[in-house]
Amino acid sequence: MQITLHPIATVTTKRTTPTDDFWGDTISEITLLPHVPEDAFKGIETFSHLEIIYYFDKVDQNKTVYSGRPRSNPAWPEMGIFCQRKKDRPNQLGLCTVELVEHTGRTIKVKYLDAIDGTPVLDIKPVFKEFEVKGSVRQPDWTVELMKDYWK
């Protein structure tokens, strides 16, 4: 089976290289590509948060991993790729929940998007609290350490 996806927008941001931390002050613009009508954003300002699905287009497909230590840290356990959020994934998809800052025409400004300049966006969905987690989130202790500076 083959699946073909086409970008619907592009990210513009000051971040040009993928790094692991300090994304908190990054404001990104997402601009619709010419083939997507501006009406696709109609009403988007009524939502506070969005889910952005994007493509890690700068990742070398030959570096895909299926397991390893998060950030190659020997203090953390070896985990499968589906237990991590790293970019070296089988399908190179990124997913991030962002805060909508502003909407103007074909562009939205968002906070908390960990994508670099020029990243292709595949889809945008509004966050409905009804789709959020039910109950408590369980995660290993190493994830808290890994994320301590991510959004600073």
N, C-alpha and C. Protein backbone atom coordinates (compact mmCIF):
# COMPACT_ATOMS: atom_id res chain seq x y z
N MET A 1 0.84 -1.17 0.00
CA MET A 1 0.00 0.00 0.00
C MET A 1 0.89 1.24 0.00
N GLN A 2 0.53 2.20 -0.79
CA GLN A 2 1.26 3.46 -0.83
C GLN A 2 0.32 4.58 -0.42
N ILE A 3 0.81 5.48 0.41
CA ILE A 3 0.04 6.64 0.86
C ILE A 3 0.78 7.88 0.38
N THR A 4 0.06 8.78 -0.25
CA THR A 4 0.67 10.01 -0.72
C THR A 4 0.04 11.18 0.02
N LEU A 5 0.87 11.99 0.65
CA LEU A 5 0.40 13.16 1.36
C LEU A 5 0.97 14.41 0.71
N HIS A 6 0.23 15.50 0.77
CA HIS A 6 0.68 16.76 0.21
C HIS A 6 0.61 17.83 1.29
N PRO A 7 1.66 18.62 1.47
CA PRO A 7 1.63 19.69 2.47
C PRO A 7 0.49 20.67 2.19
N ILE A 8 -0.06 21.20 3.26
CA ILE A 8 -1.12 22.21 3.15
C ILE A 8 -0.62 23.59 3.58
N ALA A 9 0.54 23.62 4.24
CA ALA A 9 1.07 24.88 4.74
C ALA A 9 2.57 24.72 5.02
N THR A 10 3.21 25.83 5.34
CA THR A 10 4.63 25.84 5.66
C THR A 10 4.85 26.65 6.93
N VAL A 11 5.84 26.22 7.72
CA VAL A 11 6.20 26.90 8.96
C VAL A 11 7.28 27.95 8.67
N THR A 12 7.11 29.13 9.23
CA THR A 12 8.14 30.17 9.23
C THR A 12 8.46 30.47 10.69
N THR A 13 9.73 30.36 11.05
CA THR A 13 10.16 30.58 12.42
C THR A 13 11.63 30.95 12.45
N LYS A 14 12.09 31.49 13.57
CA LYS A 14 13.50 31.85 13.72
C LYS A 14 14.39 30.63 13.90
N ARG A 15 13.80 29.49 14.26
CA ARG A 15 14.57 28.27 14.49
C ARG A 15 14.87 27.60 13.16
N THR A 16 16.14 27.39 12.87
CA THR A 16 16.55 26.81 11.59
C THR A 16 17.20 25.44 11.72
N THR A 17 17.52 25.04 12.93
CA THR A 17 18.10 23.72 13.15
C THR A 17 17.32 23.00 14.24
N PRO A 18 17.14 21.69 14.08
CA PRO A 18 16.41 20.95 15.11
C PRO A 18 17.27 20.75 16.35
N THR A 19 16.82 21.31 17.44
CA THR A 19 17.51 21.14 18.72
C THR A 19 16.51 20.60 19.74
N ASP A 20 17.04 20.10 20.84
CA ASP A 20 16.18 19.40 21.79
C ASP A 20 15.50 20.28 22.84
N ASP A 21 15.97 21.47 23.09
CA ASP A 21 15.42 22.23 24.20
C ASP A 21 15.17 23.70 23.84
N PHE A 22 14.55 24.40 24.79
CA PHE A 22 14.36 25.85 24.76
C PHE A 22 13.46 26.32 23.61
N TRP A 23 12.33 25.67 23.46
CA TRP A 23 11.35 26.03 22.43
C TRP A 23 10.28 27.00 22.96
N GLY A 24 10.24 27.27 24.24
CA GLY A 24 9.14 27.99 24.86
C GLY A 24 8.88 29.39 24.36
N ASP A 25 9.91 30.12 23.95
CA ASP A 25 9.69 31.49 23.49
C ASP A 25 9.54 31.59 21.97
N THR A 26 9.50 30.46 21.30
CA THR A 26 9.41 30.44 19.84
C THR A 26 7.97 30.68 19.39
N ILE A 27 7.79 31.72 18.59
CA ILE A 27 6.51 31.96 17.93
C ILE A 27 6.70 31.59 16.47
N SER A 28 5.83 30.77 15.94
CA SER A 28 5.92 30.32 14.56
C SER A 28 4.72 30.79 13.78
N GLU A 29 4.92 31.02 12.50
CA GLU A 29 3.82 31.32 11.59
C GLU A 29 3.59 30.10 10.72
N ILE A 30 2.35 29.79 10.51
CA ILE A 30 1.97 28.72 9.60
C ILE A 30 1.13 29.37 8.50
N THR A 31 1.62 29.28 7.27
CA THR A 31 0.96 29.93 6.15
C THR A 31 0.47 28.88 5.16
N LEU A 32 -0.79 28.99 4.79
CA LEU A 32 -1.37 28.05 3.83
C LEU A 32 -0.66 28.16 2.49
N LEU A 33 -0.48 27.04 1.83
CA LEU A 33 0.09 27.02 0.49
C LEU A 33 -0.96 27.49 -0.51
N PRO A 34 -0.54 27.95 -1.69
CA PRO A 34 -1.48 28.53 -2.66
C PRO A 34 -2.67 27.64 -3.05
N HIS A 35 -2.50 26.32 -3.05
CA HIS A 35 -3.61 25.44 -3.47
C HIS A 35 -4.69 25.26 -2.39
N VAL A 36 -4.44 25.78 -1.18
CA VAL A 36 -5.40 25.66 -0.09
C VAL A 36 -6.13 26.99 0.07
N PRO A 37 -7.44 27.02 -0.04
CA PRO A 37 -8.16 28.29 0.07
C PRO A 37 -8.09 28.87 1.48
N GLU A 38 -8.09 30.18 1.55
CA GLU A 38 -8.05 30.89 2.83
C GLU A 38 -9.20 30.48 3.75
N ASP A 39 -10.32 30.10 3.16
CA ASP A 39 -11.48 29.66 3.95
C ASP A 39 -11.18 28.47 4.86
N ALA A 40 -10.10 27.75 4.58
CA ALA A 40 -9.73 26.62 5.43
C ALA A 40 -9.48 27.07 6.87
N PHE A 41 -9.13 28.35 7.07
CA PHE A 41 -8.91 28.91 8.41
C PHE A 41 -10.15 29.61 8.97
N LYS A 42 -11.26 29.62 8.25
CA LYS A 42 -12.46 30.32 8.71
C LYS A 42 -12.90 29.79 10.07
N GLY A 43 -12.96 30.66 11.07
CA GLY A 43 -13.39 30.29 12.42
C GLY A 43 -12.30 29.76 13.32
N ILE A 44 -11.08 29.67 12.82
CA ILE A 44 -10.01 29.07 13.62
C ILE A 44 -9.73 29.86 14.90
N GLU A 45 -9.99 31.17 14.86
CA GLU A 45 -9.72 32.01 16.04
C GLU A 45 -10.66 31.71 17.21
N THR A 46 -11.69 30.88 16.99
CA THR A 46 -12.58 30.51 18.09
C THR A 46 -11.98 29.39 18.95
N PHE A 47 -10.82 28.87 18.54
CA PHE A 47 -10.14 27.82 19.29
C PHE A 47 -8.87 28.39 19.92
N SER A 48 -8.56 27.94 21.12
CA SER A 48 -7.34 28.40 21.80
C SER A 48 -6.13 27.55 21.43
N HIS A 49 -6.36 26.29 21.09
CA HIS A 49 -5.26 25.36 20.83
C HIS A 49 -5.55 24.52 19.58
N LEU A 50 -4.45 24.15 18.91
CA LEU A 50 -4.53 23.37 17.68
C LEU A 50 -3.53 22.23 17.74
N GLU A 51 -3.79 21.19 16.98
CA GLU A 51 -2.81 20.11 16.80
C GLU A 51 -2.23 20.26 15.41
N ILE A 52 -0.92 20.31 15.34
CA ILE A 52 -0.22 20.48 14.08
C ILE A 52 0.47 19.15 13.74
N ILE A 53 0.18 18.63 12.57
CA ILE A 53 0.83 17.42 12.09
C ILE A 53 1.77 17.86 10.97
N TYR A 54 3.05 17.55 11.14
CA TYR A 54 4.04 18.05 10.19
C TYR A 54 5.02 16.96 9.82
N TYR A 55 5.86 17.27 8.83
CA TYR A 55 6.77 16.29 8.27
C TYR A 55 8.21 16.71 8.53
N PHE A 56 8.99 15.81 9.13
CA PHE A 56 10.41 16.07 9.38
C PHE A 56 11.17 15.92 8.06
N ASP A 57 11.08 16.91 7.20
CA ASP A 57 11.63 16.81 5.85
C ASP A 57 13.16 16.89 5.81
N LYS A 58 13.79 17.35 6.86
CA LYS A 58 15.26 17.46 6.88
C LYS A 58 15.93 16.22 7.48
N VAL A 59 15.15 15.27 7.97
CA VAL A 59 15.70 14.07 8.58
C VAL A 59 16.18 13.11 7.49
N ASP A 60 17.35 12.57 7.69
CA ASP A 60 17.90 11.58 6.78
C ASP A 60 17.16 10.25 6.98
N GLN A 61 16.44 9.80 5.96
CA GLN A 61 15.65 8.58 6.09
C GLN A 61 16.50 7.36 6.39
N ASN A 62 17.79 7.43 6.09
CA ASN A 62 18.69 6.33 6.39
C ASN A 62 19.04 6.25 7.88
N LYS A 63 18.64 7.27 8.64
CA LYS A 63 18.93 7.29 10.07
C LYS A 63 17.72 6.92 10.92
N THR A 64 16.71 6.37 10.31
CA THR A 64 15.53 5.92 11.05
C THR A 64 15.96 4.91 12.10
N VAL A 65 15.43 5.06 13.30
CA VAL A 65 15.73 4.12 14.38
C VAL A 65 14.43 3.49 14.86
N TYR A 66 14.54 2.31 15.41
CA TYR A 66 13.37 1.62 15.95
C TYR A 66 13.48 1.41 17.45
N SER A 67 14.68 1.63 18.00
CA SER A 67 14.86 1.58 19.44
C SER A 67 16.19 2.25 19.78
N GLY A 68 16.34 2.57 21.04
CA GLY A 68 17.56 3.21 21.51
C GLY A 68 17.28 3.98 22.78
N ARG A 69 18.32 4.54 23.33
CA ARG A 69 18.17 5.34 24.55
C ARG A 69 17.76 6.76 24.15
N PRO A 70 16.74 7.32 24.77
CA PRO A 70 16.35 8.69 24.46
C PRO A 70 17.54 9.64 24.58
N ARG A 71 17.74 10.43 23.54
CA ARG A 71 18.86 11.37 23.44
C ARG A 71 20.21 10.69 23.66
N SER A 72 20.27 9.40 23.45
CA SER A 72 21.49 8.59 23.63
C SER A 72 22.06 8.70 25.04
N ASN A 73 21.21 9.01 25.99
CA ASN A 73 21.62 9.15 27.39
C ASN A 73 21.75 7.77 28.04
N PRO A 74 22.96 7.38 28.46
CA PRO A 74 23.15 6.04 29.05
C PRO A 74 22.41 5.85 30.37
N ALA A 75 21.97 6.94 31.01
CA ALA A 75 21.23 6.84 32.26
C ALA A 75 19.76 6.47 32.04
N TRP A 76 19.30 6.59 30.81
CA TRP A 76 17.90 6.30 30.51
C TRP A 76 17.78 4.95 29.83
N PRO A 77 16.64 4.29 29.99
CA PRO A 77 16.48 2.93 29.45
C PRO A 77 16.37 2.92 27.93
N GLU A 78 16.71 1.79 27.35
CA GLU A 78 16.50 1.60 25.93
C GLU A 78 14.99 1.45 25.71
N MET A 79 14.49 2.21 24.76
CA MET A 79 13.05 2.24 24.50
C MET A 79 12.80 2.14 23.00
N GLY A 80 11.68 1.56 22.62
CA GLY A 80 11.28 1.50 21.22
C GLY A 80 10.92 2.90 20.72
N ILE A 81 10.99 3.10 19.42
CA ILE A 81 10.71 4.41 18.84
C ILE A 81 9.29 4.88 19.15
N PHE A 82 8.36 3.95 19.30
CA PHE A 82 6.99 4.35 19.59
C PHE A 82 6.78 4.70 21.07
N CYS A 83 7.86 4.69 21.83
CA CYS A 83 7.86 5.14 23.23
C CYS A 83 8.65 6.44 23.35
N GLN A 84 9.00 7.03 22.23
CA GLN A 84 9.77 8.26 22.20
C GLN A 84 9.13 9.23 21.20
N ARG A 85 9.54 10.48 21.26
CA ARG A 85 8.99 11.48 20.35
C ARG A 85 10.08 12.04 19.43
N LYS A 86 11.16 11.32 19.24
CA LYS A 86 12.27 11.82 18.43
C LYS A 86 11.91 11.87 16.95
N LYS A 87 12.70 12.65 16.21
CA LYS A 87 12.45 12.90 14.80
C LYS A 87 12.84 11.75 13.88
N ASP A 88 13.71 10.87 14.28
CA ASP A 88 14.21 9.79 13.42
C ASP A 88 13.22 8.62 13.40
N ARG A 89 12.02 8.90 12.95
CA ARG A 89 10.91 7.95 13.00
C ARG A 89 10.69 7.28 11.66
N PRO A 90 10.00 6.14 11.64
CA PRO A 90 9.76 5.45 10.37
C PRO A 90 9.06 6.33 9.31
N ASN A 91 8.08 7.12 9.68
CA ASN A 91 7.37 7.94 8.70
C ASN A 91 7.65 9.43 8.85
N GLN A 92 8.56 9.79 9.71
CA GLN A 92 9.02 11.17 9.88
C GLN A 92 7.89 12.17 10.16
N LEU A 93 6.89 11.73 10.91
CA LEU A 93 5.78 12.61 11.25
C LEU A 93 5.99 13.23 12.62
N GLY A 94 5.68 14.52 12.71
CA GLY A 94 5.69 15.23 13.97
C GLY A 94 4.27 15.62 14.34
N LEU A 95 4.01 15.71 15.62
CA LEU A 95 2.70 16.10 16.13
C LEU A 95 2.92 16.98 17.35
N CYS A 96 2.27 18.13 17.36
CA CYS A 96 2.46 19.05 18.47
C CYS A 96 1.16 19.79 18.75
N THR A 97 0.83 19.94 20.01
CA THR A 97 -0.31 20.77 20.40
C THR A 97 0.21 22.17 20.66
N VAL A 98 -0.38 23.14 19.98
CA VAL A 98 0.10 24.52 20.06
C VAL A 98 -1.00 25.45 20.57
N GLU A 99 -0.56 26.61 21.02
CA GLU A 99 -1.49 27.66 21.41
C GLU A 99 -1.63 28.62 20.23
N LEU A 100 -2.86 28.91 19.83
CA LEU A 100 -3.10 29.86 18.75
C LEU A 100 -2.94 31.27 19.31
N VAL A 101 -2.05 32.04 18.71
CA VAL A 101 -1.77 33.41 19.15
C VAL A 101 -2.53 34.42 18.31
N GLU A 102 -2.59 34.19 17.00
CA GLU A 102 -3.20 35.16 16.10
C GLU A 102 -3.55 34.51 14.77
N HIS A 103 -4.60 35.02 14.14
CA HIS A 103 -4.99 34.58 12.80
C HIS A 103 -5.18 35.81 11.92
N THR A 104 -4.46 35.84 10.80
CA THR A 104 -4.60 36.92 9.83
C THR A 104 -4.57 36.32 8.43
N GLY A 105 -5.70 36.34 7.75
CA GLY A 105 -5.76 35.85 6.38
C GLY A 105 -5.34 34.40 6.24
N ARG A 106 -4.26 34.18 5.50
CA ARG A 106 -3.77 32.83 5.20
C ARG A 106 -2.75 32.33 6.22
N THR A 107 -2.54 33.11 7.29
CA THR A 107 -1.49 32.80 8.26
C THR A 107 -2.03 32.75 9.68
N ILE A 108 -1.52 31.78 10.43
CA ILE A 108 -1.76 31.76 11.88
C ILE A 108 -0.40 31.84 12.57
N LYS A 109 -0.38 32.49 13.73
CA LYS A 109 0.79 32.50 14.59
C LYS A 109 0.49 31.59 15.77
N VAL A 110 1.48 30.76 16.11
CA VAL A 110 1.28 29.79 17.19
C VAL A 110 2.49 29.77 18.12
N LYS A 111 2.24 29.34 19.34
CA LYS A 111 3.29 29.15 20.34
C LYS A 111 3.35 27.67 20.67
N TYR A 112 4.55 27.18 20.99
CA TYR A 112 4.79 25.79 21.39
C TYR A 112 4.82 24.82 20.20
N LEU A 113 5.28 25.28 19.06
CA LEU A 113 5.48 24.39 17.92
C LEU A 113 6.98 24.11 17.81
N ASP A 114 7.36 22.85 17.88
CA ASP A 114 8.77 22.48 17.82
C ASP A 114 9.17 22.02 16.41
N ALA A 115 8.86 22.87 15.45
CA ALA A 115 9.23 22.61 14.06
C ALA A 115 10.13 23.74 13.58
N ILE A 116 11.07 23.41 12.69
CA ILE A 116 12.01 24.43 12.21
C ILE A 116 11.48 25.15 10.97
N ASP A 117 12.16 26.22 10.62
CA ASP A 117 11.77 27.04 9.48
C ASP A 117 11.69 26.21 8.20
N GLY A 118 10.60 26.37 7.47
CA GLY A 118 10.40 25.67 6.22
C GLY A 118 9.73 24.32 6.34
N THR A 119 9.43 23.88 7.56
CA THR A 119 8.81 22.57 7.76
C THR A 119 7.45 22.51 7.08
N PRO A 120 7.19 21.46 6.30
CA PRO A 120 5.87 21.29 5.69
C PRO A 120 4.84 20.80 6.71
N VAL A 121 3.68 21.43 6.69
CA VAL A 121 2.57 21.05 7.56
C VAL A 121 1.61 20.19 6.74
N LEU A 122 1.23 19.04 7.30
CA LEU A 122 0.36 18.10 6.61
C LEU A 122 -1.11 18.26 6.99
N ASP A 123 -1.36 18.69 8.23
CA ASP A 123 -2.74 18.87 8.68
C ASP A 123 -2.76 19.72 9.94
N ILE A 124 -3.89 20.32 10.18
CA ILE A 124 -4.13 21.13 11.38
C ILE A 124 -5.51 20.74 11.90
N LYS A 125 -5.58 20.46 13.20
CA LYS A 125 -6.86 20.11 13.80
C LYS A 125 -7.07 20.95 15.05
N PRO A 126 -8.31 21.34 15.32
CA PRO A 126 -8.57 22.06 16.58
C PRO A 126 -8.54 21.08 17.75
N VAL A 127 -8.14 21.59 18.90
CA VAL A 127 -8.18 20.76 20.11
C VAL A 127 -9.58 20.86 20.71
N PHE A 128 -10.21 19.72 20.87
CA PHE A 128 -11.48 19.61 21.59
C PHE A 128 -11.14 18.96 22.92
N LYS A 129 -11.60 19.52 24.02
CA LYS A 129 -11.28 18.90 25.31
C LYS A 129 -11.84 17.49 25.40
N GLU A 130 -12.89 17.20 24.63
CA GLU A 130 -13.46 15.85 24.64
C GLU A 130 -12.53 14.80 24.05
N PHE A 131 -11.54 15.24 23.25
CA PHE A 131 -10.56 14.31 22.70
C PHE A 131 -9.29 14.21 23.56
N GLU A 132 -9.20 15.02 24.57
CA GLU A 132 -8.02 14.98 25.45
C GLU A 132 -8.06 13.73 26.31
N VAL A 133 -6.96 13.48 27.01
CA VAL A 133 -6.86 12.24 27.80
C VAL A 133 -7.93 12.17 28.86
N LYS A 134 -8.37 10.96 29.09
CA LYS A 134 -9.32 10.68 30.18
C LYS A 134 -8.51 10.11 31.33
N GLY A 135 -8.66 10.66 32.51
CA GLY A 135 -7.92 10.16 33.65
C GLY A 135 -6.50 10.71 33.69
N SER A 136 -5.66 10.08 34.45
CA SER A 136 -4.29 10.53 34.66
C SER A 136 -3.36 10.00 33.57
N VAL A 137 -2.33 10.77 33.28
CA VAL A 137 -1.29 10.34 32.34
C VAL A 137 -0.22 9.61 33.13
N ARG A 138 0.18 8.44 32.65
CA ARG A 138 1.26 7.67 33.26
C ARG A 138 2.46 7.73 32.31
N GLN A 139 3.63 8.04 32.86
CA GLN A 139 4.85 8.07 32.05
C GLN A 139 6.03 7.78 32.96
N PRO A 140 7.12 7.25 32.38
CA PRO A 140 8.30 6.95 33.19
C PRO A 140 9.00 8.22 33.67
N ASP A 141 9.76 8.10 34.75
CA ASP A 141 10.45 9.24 35.36
C ASP A 141 11.43 9.92 34.40
N TRP A 142 12.10 9.15 33.53
CA TRP A 142 13.10 9.74 32.64
C TRP A 142 12.50 10.79 31.71
N THR A 143 11.20 10.69 31.40
CA THR A 143 10.58 11.66 30.50
C THR A 143 10.50 13.04 31.12
N VAL A 144 10.32 13.09 32.42
CA VAL A 144 10.27 14.38 33.12
C VAL A 144 11.63 15.07 33.04
N GLU A 145 12.69 14.30 33.25
CA GLU A 145 14.05 14.85 33.14
C GLU A 145 14.33 15.29 31.70
N LEU A 146 13.95 14.47 30.74
CA LEU A 146 14.17 14.79 29.33
C LEU A 146 13.49 16.10 28.95
N MET A 147 12.30 16.35 29.45
CA MET A 147 11.50 17.51 29.05
C MET A 147 11.71 18.75 29.92
N LYS A 148 12.57 18.70 30.92
CA LYS A 148 12.67 19.80 31.89
C LYS A 148 13.00 21.15 31.26
N ASP A 149 13.78 21.19 30.18
CA ASP A 149 14.14 22.46 29.53
C ASP A 149 13.49 22.62 28.15
N TYR A 150 12.66 21.69 27.76
CA TYR A 150 12.12 21.70 26.40
C TYR A 150 11.31 22.95 26.09
N TRP A 151 10.44 23.34 27.00
CA TRP A 151 9.56 24.49 26.75
C TRP A 151 10.02 25.75 27.48
N LYS A 152 11.25 25.78 27.97
CA LYS A 152 11.77 26.99 28.62
C LYS A 152 12.11 28.03 27.60
